[in-house]
Every structure is written in C-alpha cells, then in structure tokens.
Amino acid sequence: MTGPPRRALATAAAALLLAGCGPAAGDPATGSADGAADTTLVVFAAASLEEPVRELGARFEDTHPGLAVELSIAGSSTLVTQIQEGAAADVIATADTATMDQLVTAGLTAQDPVPLATNTLRIAVPAGNPAEVTDLASLTREGTRLVVCAPAVPCGAATGALAEAAGLELSPVSEEQSVTDVLGKVRTGEADAGLVYATDIARAGGDVEGLD
C-alpha cells in the first residue's frame, strides 16, 4: 500500500526464463530460404499489459529480422502456473512482483526480474454510472453488483489490501481470473462496478467511467 487508503499500487515486472529461443525454421545464423522467421521469442504477459506488450513485440520484430514474437496473454497467476507445469516461454511479464517471486523461488528465472511500471487501482462503472457509485465505501451498499479479481490474481491481491486498509468488507458477486474480465463485466452492464487498473479504464474509452 502507498498513499491514502483509497489508493493501491501494483508494480509490473518482467523476467527472462530458463528456456531459450528455439529455431522455428532453418538456421538462425543463416536465415531460412523462404524468408520466414527463423527464431520465435515466446512472451507470456499479464492481461493488463497486453496493449503495450503487443506494441513492443511489433517494434522488436522490426528491429530483429528473422525473429517472430509469439504472445500468450492471460492472468499473471495463470501464466505462472503454466510455466511451473512445464510450459515453454522465454520472457514473462506479470502484473505484480509477488506473483513473479513464485518463479524466482522455484528457480525458473534466468535473471532477476526487472520492475517495469506501477499502476493504480480505480473504480470502474458503466457509462452513466446507473448505480450511482461514488466512492469505495459505496461499493458495500446492499444490491450493488461488485466484480473484482480473484485473490490469487495481482489486481485481486491489491483489492484485498485496499479494502483492508480502508476498513471495509467487500462482497463481490464474482471474482475473475484477470482484470480484463472484470472490465468486460462492467462494460456490458453485468456489474455495477469493478476494481481495475487506471490504464484499463483509459483504454476502455467511453464504455466505462473511472472513480478514484
């Protein structure tokens, strides 16, 4: 927790994994005869990081001829579980450092993780705010359909810390496996409110409104 109780920060982190890039076709040193990518870089990224990671992947391909970036996007905890169970990846970017630490503890990272950015939790409500949500405390009103991330997911852990610091007991109608799933339910009106990252609200455009 950083700042007043209504504010919760999450720090995204990235790490190289012990698995290395493998040739997809031909010899990486000489290139393939048909001009196809010789090497594939497999990147696992948290759902909240999808937009910037896709942009970075495209830039990386432009500056590294013969290399293709293959992205796998899901909730951080899901990605970590997949790697622990043997899924092959070269790089992983999680939405918090605590989830990344599970891979470090298991000895699955090739280098120490690098912090990438911080993000702030905000309350997302459908356009027009039909339930008239005003602040964190109003999420506890009877009949308010609140959706949050599951506790094992970084945004869920941040939500739990936020509620504890504010002295509130939240009663969500559902707990989702990624922040994008929470945002989706708010966007479609299935939920009156959800706790997501500030960047998720920004990229949703006019479909949702954000409250501090």
C-alpha atoms as a PDB file:
ATOM      1  CA  MET A   1       0.000   0.000   0.000  1.00  0.00           C
ATOM      2  CA  THR A   2       1.193   3.506  -0.834  1.00  0.00           C
ATOM      3  CA  GLY A   3      -0.583   6.773  -0.084  1.00  0.00           C
ATOM      4  CA  PRO A   4      -4.104   7.149   1.356  1.00  0.00           C
ATOM      5  CA  PRO A   5      -6.307   4.055   1.882  1.00  0.00           C
ATOM      6  CA  ARG A   6      -8.263   4.640  -1.332  1.00  0.00           C
ATOM      7  CA  ARG A   7      -5.085   4.260  -3.412  1.00  0.00           C
ATOM      8  CA  ALA A   8      -3.395   0.945  -4.144  1.00  0.00           C
ATOM      9  CA  LEU A   9      -0.350   0.474  -6.347  1.00  0.00           C
ATOM     10  CA  ALA A  10       0.755  -2.612  -8.241  1.00  0.00           C
ATOM     11  CA  THR A  11       4.208  -2.982  -9.788  1.00  0.00           C
ATOM     12  CA  ALA A  12       4.559  -4.889 -13.046  1.00  0.00           C
ATOM     13  CA  ALA A  13       7.720  -6.927 -13.525  1.00  0.00           C
ATOM     14  CA  ALA A  14       9.402  -8.869 -16.325  1.00  0.00           C
ATOM     15  CA  ALA A  15      11.960 -11.671 -16.305  1.00  0.00           C
ATOM     16  CA  LEU A  16      13.871 -13.901 -18.675  1.00  0.00           C
ATOM     17  CA  LEU A  17      13.126 -17.584 -18.171  1.00  0.00           C
ATOM     18  CA  LEU A  18      15.496 -20.519 -18.313  1.00  0.00           C
ATOM     19  CA  ALA A  19      14.025 -21.717 -21.614  1.00  0.00           C
ATOM     20  CA  GLY A  20      15.787 -20.116 -24.588  1.00  0.00           C
ATOM     21  CA  CYS A  21      14.643 -19.072 -28.031  1.00  0.00           C
ATOM     22  CA  GLY A  22      14.379 -22.010 -30.385  1.00  0.00           C
ATOM     23  CA  PRO A  23      14.659 -22.107 -34.166  1.00  0.00           C
ATOM     24  CA  ALA A  24      11.335 -22.187 -35.958  1.00  0.00           C
ATOM     25  CA  ALA A  25      12.770 -22.921 -39.396  1.00  0.00           C
ATOM     26  CA  GLY A  26      16.224 -23.043 -40.944  1.00  0.00           C
ATOM     27  CA  ASP A  27      19.413 -21.934 -39.208  1.00  0.00           C
ATOM     28  CA  PRO A  28      19.103 -18.722 -37.117  1.00  0.00           C
ATOM     29  CA  ALA A  29      22.605 -17.770 -38.188  1.00  0.00           C
ATOM     30  CA  THR A  30      21.932 -18.002 -41.921  1.00  0.00           C
ATOM     31  CA  GLY A  31      18.195 -17.410 -42.256  1.00  0.00           C
ATOM     32  CA  SER A  32      15.548 -19.529 -43.941  1.00  0.00           C
ATOM     33  CA  ALA A  33      15.324 -19.882 -47.671  1.00  0.00           C
ATOM     34  CA  ASP A  34      11.734 -18.643 -47.879  1.00  0.00           C
ATOM     35  CA  GLY A  35      12.325 -15.548 -45.732  1.00  0.00           C
ATOM     36  CA  ALA A  36      10.178 -16.847 -42.848  1.00  0.00           C
ATOM     37  CA  ALA A  37      11.121 -16.119 -39.240  1.00  0.00           C
ATOM     38  CA  ASP A  38      13.985 -18.335 -38.045  1.00  0.00           C
ATOM     39  CA  THR A  39      13.528 -17.810 -34.328  1.00  0.00           C
ATOM     40  CA  THR A  40      10.440 -17.394 -32.177  1.00  0.00           C
ATOM     41  CA  LEU A  41      10.532 -15.414 -28.946  1.00  0.00           C
ATOM     42  CA  VAL A  42       7.713 -16.660 -26.712  1.00  0.00           C
ATOM     43  CA  VAL A  43       6.442 -13.949 -24.371  1.00  0.00           C
ATOM     44  CA  PHE A  44       3.919 -14.551 -21.582  1.00  0.00           C
ATOM     45  CA  ALA A  45       2.262 -11.299 -20.477  1.00  0.00           C
ATOM     46  CA  ALA A  46      -0.403 -10.311 -17.974  1.00  0.00           C
ATOM     47  CA  ALA A  47      -3.748  -9.293 -19.436  1.00  0.00           C
ATOM     48  CA  SER A  48      -3.353  -5.757 -18.094  1.00  0.00           C
ATOM     49  CA  LEU A  49      -0.127  -5.391 -20.083  1.00  0.00           C
ATOM     50  CA  GLU A  50      -1.475  -6.666 -23.401  1.00  0.00           C
ATOM     51  CA  GLU A  51      -1.592  -3.382 -25.320  1.00  0.00           C
ATOM     52  CA  PRO A  52       1.952  -2.156 -24.579  1.00  0.00           C
ATOM     53  CA  VAL A  53       3.445  -5.649 -24.898  1.00  0.00           C
ATOM     54  CA  ARG A  54       1.912  -6.086 -28.353  1.00  0.00           C
ATOM     55  CA  GLU A  55       3.352  -2.739 -29.420  1.00  0.00           C
ATOM     56  CA  LEU A  56       6.773  -3.615 -28.018  1.00  0.00           C
ATOM     57  CA  GLY A  57       6.646  -7.014 -29.724  1.00  0.00           C
ATOM     58  CA  ALA A  58       5.969  -5.403 -33.091  1.00  0.00           C
ATOM     59  CA  ARG A  59       8.852  -2.973 -32.603  1.00  0.00           C
ATOM     60  CA  PHE A  60      11.173  -5.819 -31.582  1.00  0.00           C
ATOM     61  CA  GLU A  61      10.305  -7.764 -34.736  1.00  0.00           C
ATOM     62  CA  ASP A  62      11.002  -4.675 -36.866  1.00  0.00           C
ATOM     63  CA  THR A  63      14.478  -4.286 -35.404  1.00  0.00           C
ATOM     64  CA  HIS A  64      15.337  -8.015 -35.365  1.00  0.00           C
ATOM     65  CA  PRO A  65      14.862  -9.512 -38.857  1.00  0.00           C
ATOM     66  CA  GLY A  66      14.272 -13.261 -38.788  1.00  0.00           C
ATOM     67  CA  LEU A  67      12.681 -13.181 -35.340  1.00  0.00           C
ATOM     68  CA  ALA A  68       8.972 -13.517 -34.556  1.00  0.00           C
ATOM     69  CA  VAL A  69       7.381 -12.605 -31.215  1.00  0.00           C
ATOM     70  CA  GLU A  70       4.677 -15.017 -30.069  1.00  0.00           C
ATOM     71  CA  LEU A  71       2.476 -13.652 -27.285  1.00  0.00           C
ATOM     72  CA  SER A  72       0.444 -15.562 -24.713  1.00  0.00           C
ATOM     73  CA  ILE A  73      -1.900 -13.261 -22.786  1.00  0.00           C
ATOM     74  CA  ALA A  74      -3.681 -14.296 -19.566  1.00  0.00           C
ATOM     75  CA  GLY A  75      -3.902 -13.521 -15.866  1.00  0.00           C
ATOM     76  CA  SER A  76      -0.500 -13.422 -14.152  1.00  0.00           C
ATOM     77  CA  SER A  77      -1.249 -16.327 -11.816  1.00  0.00           C
ATOM     78  CA  THR A  78      -2.449 -18.454 -14.741  1.00  0.00           C
ATOM     79  CA  LEU A  79       0.759 -17.785 -16.681  1.00  0.00           C
ATOM     80  CA  VAL A  80       2.952 -18.602 -13.681  1.00  0.00           C
ATOM     81  CA  THR A  81       1.096 -21.881 -13.133  1.00  0.00           C
ATOM     82  CA  GLN A  82       1.554 -22.819 -16.788  1.00  0.00           C
ATOM     83  CA  ILE A  83       5.308 -22.225 -16.556  1.00  0.00           C
ATOM     84  CA  GLN A  84       5.551 -24.173 -13.298  1.00  0.00           C
ATOM     85  CA  GLU A  85       3.800 -27.049 -15.062  1.00  0.00           C
ATOM     86  CA  GLY A  86       6.306 -27.039 -17.932  1.00  0.00           C
ATOM     87  CA  ALA A  87       5.019 -24.543 -20.488  1.00  0.00           C
ATOM     88  CA  ALA A  88       7.852 -23.172 -22.631  1.00  0.00           C
ATOM     89  CA  ALA A  89       8.419 -19.409 -22.635  1.00  0.00           C
ATOM     90  CA  ASP A  90      11.372 -17.055 -22.984  1.00  0.00           C
ATOM     91  CA  VAL A  91      10.078 -13.947 -21.221  1.00  0.00           C
ATOM     92  CA  ILE A  92       7.275 -13.321 -18.749  1.00  0.00           C
ATOM     93  CA  ALA A  93       5.756 -10.025 -17.649  1.00  0.00           C
ATOM     94  CA  THR A  94       3.477 -10.189 -14.605  1.00  0.00           C
ATOM     95  CA  ALA A  95       1.241  -7.518 -13.132  1.00  0.00           C
ATOM     96  CA  ASP A  96       2.984  -7.597  -9.758  1.00  0.00           C
ATOM     97  CA  THR A  97       6.220  -8.646  -8.125  1.00  0.00           C
ATOM     98  CA  ALA A  98       4.629 -11.107  -5.676  1.00  0.00           C
ATOM     99  CA  THR A  99       3.460 -13.382  -8.495  1.00  0.00           C
ATOM    100  CA  MET A 100       6.845 -13.129 -10.197  1.00  0.00           C
ATOM    101  CA  ASP A 101       8.532 -14.145  -6.924  1.00  0.00           C
ATOM    102  CA  GLN A 102       6.914 -17.585  -7.251  1.00  0.00           C
ATOM    103  CA  LEU A 103       9.024 -18.238 -10.353  1.00  0.00           C
ATOM    104  CA  VAL A 104      12.145 -16.861  -8.696  1.00  0.00           C
ATOM    105  CA  THR A 105      11.645 -19.109  -5.665  1.00  0.00           C
ATOM    106  CA  ALA A 106      11.155 -22.116  -7.952  1.00  0.00           C
ATOM    107  CA  GLY A 107      14.417 -21.335  -9.741  1.00  0.00           C
ATOM    108  CA  LEU A 108      12.717 -20.832 -13.109  1.00  0.00           C
ATOM    109  CA  THR A 109      14.117 -17.398 -13.971  1.00  0.00           C
ATOM    110  CA  ALA A 110      17.441 -16.896 -15.751  1.00  0.00           C
ATOM    111  CA  GLN A 111      17.945 -13.416 -14.294  1.00  0.00           C
ATOM    112  CA  ASP A 112      16.496 -11.272 -11.538  1.00  0.00           C
ATOM    113  CA  PRO A 113      13.130  -9.739 -12.548  1.00  0.00           C
ATOM    114  CA  VAL A 114      13.098  -6.099 -13.622  1.00  0.00           C
ATOM    115  CA  PRO A 115      10.313  -3.721 -12.457  1.00  0.00           C
ATOM    116  CA  LEU A 116       8.572  -2.179 -15.461  1.00  0.00           C
ATOM    117  CA  ALA A 117       5.919   0.212 -14.217  1.00  0.00           C
ATOM    118  CA  THR A 118       3.425   0.974 -11.476  1.00  0.00           C
ATOM    119  CA  ASN A 119      -0.333   1.183 -11.794  1.00  0.00           C
ATOM    120  CA  THR A 120      -3.175   2.439  -9.612  1.00  0.00           C
ATOM    121  CA  LEU A 121      -6.483   0.781  -8.783  1.00  0.00           C
ATOM    122  CA  ARG A 122      -9.592   2.737  -9.705  1.00  0.00           C
ATOM    123  CA  ILE A 123     -13.314   2.025  -9.539  1.00  0.00           C
ATOM    124  CA  ALA A 124     -14.800   1.320 -12.973  1.00  0.00           C
ATOM    125  CA  VAL A 125     -18.526   1.880 -13.534  1.00  0.00           C
ATOM    126  CA  PRO A 126     -20.655   1.570 -16.697  1.00  0.00           C
ATOM    127  CA  ALA A 127     -21.161   4.727 -18.737  1.00  0.00           C
ATOM    128  CA  GLY A 128     -23.616   6.987 -16.914  1.00  0.00           C
ATOM    129  CA  ASN A 129     -22.922   5.254 -13.572  1.00  0.00           C
ATOM    130  CA  PRO A 130     -26.500   3.882 -13.238  1.00  0.00           C
ATOM    131  CA  ALA A 131     -25.890   2.522  -9.713  1.00  0.00           C
ATOM    132  CA  GLU A 132     -24.625   5.953  -8.581  1.00  0.00           C
ATOM    133  CA  VAL A 133     -21.410   4.630  -7.125  1.00  0.00           C
ATOM    134  CA  THR A 134     -19.478   7.477  -5.518  1.00  0.00           C
ATOM    135  CA  ASP A 135     -16.520   6.010  -3.647  1.00  0.00           C
ATOM    136  CA  LEU A 136     -15.025   2.839  -2.201  1.00  0.00           C
ATOM    137  CA  ALA A 137     -17.488   2.729   0.709  1.00  0.00           C
ATOM    138  CA  SER A 138     -20.472   2.852  -1.666  1.00  0.00           C
ATOM    139  CA  LEU A 139     -19.358  -0.497  -3.095  1.00  0.00           C
ATOM    140  CA  THR A 140     -20.574  -2.132   0.119  1.00  0.00           C
ATOM    141  CA  ARG A 141     -24.170  -0.926  -0.321  1.00  0.00           C
ATOM    142  CA  GLU A 142     -26.758  -3.695  -0.453  1.00  0.00           C
ATOM    143  CA  GLY A 143     -27.688  -4.557  -4.018  1.00  0.00           C
ATOM    144  CA  THR A 144     -24.527  -3.135  -5.593  1.00  0.00           C
ATOM    145  CA  ARG A 145     -23.132  -5.701  -8.015  1.00  0.00           C
ATOM    146  CA  LEU A 146     -19.382  -5.522  -7.490  1.00  0.00           C
ATOM    147  CA  VAL A 147     -16.923  -7.582  -9.518  1.00  0.00           C
ATOM    148  CA  VAL A 148     -13.257  -7.937  -8.554  1.00  0.00           C
ATOM    149  CA  CYS A 149     -10.248 -10.058  -9.435  1.00  0.00           C
ATOM    150  CA  ALA A 150      -9.725 -13.313  -7.542  1.00  0.00           C
ATOM    151  CA  PRO A 151      -7.330 -13.029  -4.569  1.00  0.00           C
ATOM    152  CA  ALA A 152      -4.638 -15.056  -6.373  1.00  0.00           C
ATOM    153  CA  VAL A 153      -4.576 -12.530  -9.231  1.00  0.00           C
ATOM    154  CA  PRO A 154      -2.409  -9.395  -8.753  1.00  0.00           C
ATOM    155  CA  CYS A 155      -5.345  -6.992  -9.081  1.00  0.00           C
ATOM    156  CA  GLY A 156      -7.227  -9.145  -6.566  1.00  0.00           C
ATOM    157  CA  ALA A 157      -4.368  -9.011  -4.082  1.00  0.00           C
ATOM    158  CA  ALA A 158      -4.241  -5.234  -4.471  1.00  0.00           C
ATOM    159  CA  THR A 159      -8.019  -5.058  -3.990  1.00  0.00           C
ATOM    160  CA  GLY A 160      -7.758  -7.046  -0.762  1.00  0.00           C
ATOM    161  CA  ALA A 161      -5.006  -4.774   0.548  1.00  0.00           C
ATOM    162  CA  LEU A 162      -7.042  -1.717  -0.385  1.00  0.00           C
ATOM    163  CA  ALA A 163     -10.191  -2.953   1.378  1.00  0.00           C
ATOM    164  CA  GLU A 164      -8.220  -3.908   4.491  1.00  0.00           C
ATOM    165  CA  ALA A 165      -6.524  -0.508   4.670  1.00  0.00           C
ATOM    166  CA  ALA A 166      -9.888   1.219   4.294  1.00  0.00           C
ATOM    167  CA  GLY A 167     -11.502  -0.994   6.934  1.00  0.00           C
ATOM    168  CA  LEU A 168     -14.153  -2.254   4.506  1.00  0.00           C
ATOM    169  CA  GLU A 169     -15.514  -5.723   3.806  1.00  0.00           C
ATOM    170  CA  LEU A 170     -16.318  -6.100   0.123  1.00  0.00           C
ATOM    171  CA  SER A 171     -18.871  -8.685  -1.032  1.00  0.00           C
ATOM    172  CA  PRO A 172     -18.371  -9.131  -4.765  1.00  0.00           C
ATOM    173  CA  VAL A 173     -20.868 -11.075  -6.855  1.00  0.00           C
ATOM    174  CA  SER A 174     -17.980 -12.674  -8.747  1.00  0.00           C
ATOM    175  CA  GLU A 175     -14.189 -12.957  -8.691  1.00  0.00           C
ATOM    176  CA  GLU A 176     -12.482 -13.044 -12.079  1.00  0.00           C
ATOM    177  CA  GLN A 177      -9.164 -14.507 -13.209  1.00  0.00           C
ATOM    178  CA  SER A 178      -7.975 -11.361 -14.988  1.00  0.00           C
ATOM    179  CA  VAL A 179      -8.514  -7.627 -14.801  1.00  0.00           C
ATOM    180  CA  THR A 180      -9.813  -7.610 -18.372  1.00  0.00           C
ATOM    181  CA  ASP A 181     -12.621  -9.982 -17.334  1.00  0.00           C
ATOM    182  CA  VAL A 182     -13.614  -7.559 -14.572  1.00  0.00           C
ATOM    183  CA  LEU A 183     -13.608  -4.670 -17.024  1.00  0.00           C
ATOM    184  CA  GLY A 184     -15.658  -6.690 -19.509  1.00  0.00           C
ATOM    185  CA  LYS A 185     -18.448  -7.267 -16.988  1.00  0.00           C
ATOM    186  CA  VAL A 186     -18.565  -3.585 -16.130  1.00  0.00           C
ATOM    187  CA  ARG A 187     -18.553  -2.598 -19.793  1.00  0.00           C
ATOM    188  CA  THR A 188     -21.512  -4.853 -20.616  1.00  0.00           C
ATOM    189  CA  GLY A 189     -23.520  -3.788 -17.559  1.00  0.00           C
ATOM    190  CA  GLU A 190     -23.295  -7.189 -15.858  1.00  0.00           C
ATOM    191  CA  ALA A 191     -21.724  -5.372 -12.910  1.00  0.00           C
ATOM    192  CA  ASP A 192     -22.434  -2.012 -11.299  1.00  0.00           C
ATOM    193  CA  ALA A 193     -18.763  -1.528 -10.501  1.00  0.00           C
ATOM    194  CA  GLY A 194     -15.391  -3.223 -10.596  1.00  0.00           C
ATOM    195  CA  LEU A 195     -11.899  -2.545  -9.306  1.00  0.00           C
ATOM    196  CA  VAL A 196      -9.389  -2.387 -12.152  1.00  0.00           C
ATOM    197  CA  TYR A 197      -6.218  -0.523 -13.074  1.00  0.00           C
ATOM    198  CA  ALA A 198      -6.269   3.100 -14.185  1.00  0.00           C
ATOM    199  CA  THR A 199      -4.859   2.102 -17.582  1.00  0.00           C
ATOM    200  CA  ASP A 200      -7.731  -0.352 -18.167  1.00  0.00           C
ATOM    201  CA  ILE A 201     -10.245   2.448 -17.718  1.00  0.00           C
ATOM    202  CA  ALA A 202      -8.255   4.730 -20.029  1.00  0.00           C
ATOM    203  CA  ARG A 203      -8.190   2.200 -22.875  1.00  0.00           C
ATOM    204  CA  ALA A 204     -11.893   1.392 -22.466  1.00  0.00           C
ATOM    205  CA  GLY A 205     -12.746   4.829 -23.840  1.00  0.00           C
ATOM    206  CA  GLY A 206     -16.296   5.979 -23.191  1.00  0.00           C
ATOM    207  CA  ASP A 207     -17.603   2.492 -22.393  1.00  0.00           C
ATOM    208  CA  VAL A 208     -16.797   2.909 -18.696  1.00  0.00           C
ATOM    209  CA  GLU A 209     -16.141   5.731 -16.261  1.00  0.00           C
ATOM    210  CA  GLY A 210     -13.451   5.802 -13.603  1.00  0.00           C
ATOM    211  CA  LEU A 211     -13.650   6.924  -9.979  1.00  0.00           C
ATOM    212  CA  ASP A 212     -10.694   7.429  -7.652  1.00  0.00           C
END
